[in-house]
Amino acid sequence: MAKTGREKNTKNKAKHSKLMDRKQNKKKAEEAARKARLKAIIQKVNAQKETE
């Protein structure tokens, strides 16, 4: 039988998924920033090699 009254655990689930999405987005952003930083360093080193 279906329960009557308030839905069970829907607020917690929404909150949890929101927090997990935020965590995943933060991780992706950090990885992208790290890749960009490394790419810049590599380009700088390559440019120095070309001038030598």
C-alpha atoms as a PDB file:
ATOM      1  CA  MET A   1       0.000   0.000   0.000  1.00  0.00           C
ATOM      2  CA  ALA A   2       1.099   3.527  -0.716  1.00  0.00           C
ATOM      3  CA  LYS A   3       1.964   5.682   2.237  1.00  0.00           C
ATOM      4  CA  THR A   4      -0.168   8.689   2.968  1.00  0.00           C
ATOM      5  CA  GLY A   5       1.099  12.051   4.127  1.00  0.00           C
ATOM      6  CA  ARG A   6       4.522  13.539   3.591  1.00  0.00           C
ATOM      7  CA  GLU A   7       6.877  12.058   0.982  1.00  0.00           C
ATOM      8  CA  LYS A   8       9.761  10.228   2.507  1.00  0.00           C
ATOM      9  CA  ASN A   9      13.329  11.427   1.999  1.00  0.00           C
ATOM     10  CA  THR A  10      12.779  13.623  -1.081  1.00  0.00           C
ATOM     11  CA  LYS A  11      14.341  16.733   0.438  1.00  0.00           C
ATOM     12  CA  ASN A  12      17.458  14.856   1.532  1.00  0.00           C
ATOM     13  CA  LYS A  13      17.857  13.244  -1.876  1.00  0.00           C
ATOM     14  CA  ALA A  14      17.589  16.599  -3.646  1.00  0.00           C
ATOM     15  CA  LYS A  15      20.071  18.160  -1.241  1.00  0.00           C
ATOM     16  CA  HIS A  16      22.508  15.274  -1.604  1.00  0.00           C
ATOM     17  CA  SER A  17      22.384  15.268  -5.396  1.00  0.00           C
ATOM     18  CA  LYS A  18      22.897  19.048  -5.401  1.00  0.00           C
ATOM     19  CA  LEU A  19      25.964  18.698  -3.182  1.00  0.00           C
ATOM     20  CA  MET A  20      27.372  15.840  -5.262  1.00  0.00           C
ATOM     21  CA  ASP A  21      26.881  17.845  -8.475  1.00  0.00           C
ATOM     22  CA  ARG A  22      28.683  20.773  -6.885  1.00  0.00           C
ATOM     23  CA  LYS A  23      31.543  18.488  -5.837  1.00  0.00           C
ATOM     24  CA  GLN A  24      31.860  16.969  -9.315  1.00  0.00           C
ATOM     25  CA  ASN A  25      31.766  20.390 -11.001  1.00  0.00           C
ATOM     26  CA  LYS A  26      34.478  21.634  -8.641  1.00  0.00           C
ATOM     27  CA  LYS A  27      36.667  18.637  -9.465  1.00  0.00           C
ATOM     28  CA  LYS A  28      36.176  19.133 -13.220  1.00  0.00           C
ATOM     29  CA  ALA A  29      37.015  22.833 -12.917  1.00  0.00           C
ATOM     30  CA  GLU A  30      40.179  22.081 -10.946  1.00  0.00           C
ATOM     31  CA  GLU A  31      41.272  19.499 -13.523  1.00  0.00           C
ATOM     32  CA  ALA A  32      40.653  21.959 -16.365  1.00  0.00           C
ATOM     33  CA  ALA A  33      42.619  24.680 -14.566  1.00  0.00           C
ATOM     34  CA  ARG A  34      45.490  22.267 -13.953  1.00  0.00           C
ATOM     35  CA  LYS A  35      45.547  21.221 -17.616  1.00  0.00           C
ATOM     36  CA  ALA A  36      45.554  24.860 -18.714  1.00  0.00           C
ATOM     37  CA  ARG A  37      48.406  25.667 -16.329  1.00  0.00           C
ATOM     38  CA  LEU A  38      50.469  22.725 -17.573  1.00  0.00           C
ATOM     39  CA  LYS A  39      49.752  23.632 -21.179  1.00  0.00           C
ATOM     40  CA  ALA A  40      50.980  27.188 -20.554  1.00  0.00           C
ATOM     41  CA  ILE A  41      54.169  25.889 -18.938  1.00  0.00           C
ATOM     42  CA  ILE A  42      54.817  23.541 -21.858  1.00  0.00           C
ATOM     43  CA  GLN A  43      54.292  26.341 -24.381  1.00  0.00           C
ATOM     44  CA  LYS A  44      56.676  28.588 -22.445  1.00  0.00           C
ATOM     45  CA  VAL A  45      59.373  25.898 -22.370  1.00  0.00           C
ATOM     46  CA  ASN A  46      58.932  25.170 -26.071  1.00  0.00           C
ATOM     47  CA  ALA A  47      59.235  28.868 -26.865  1.00  0.00           C
ATOM     48  CA  GLN A  48      62.469  29.056 -24.856  1.00  0.00           C
ATOM     49  CA  LYS A  49      63.847  26.019 -26.723  1.00  0.00           C
ATOM     50  CA  GLU A  50      63.104  27.660 -30.080  1.00  0.00           C
ATOM     51  CA  THR A  51      64.947  30.869 -29.164  1.00  0.00           C
ATOM     52  CA  GLU A  52      68.074  28.984 -28.077  1.00  0.00           C
END
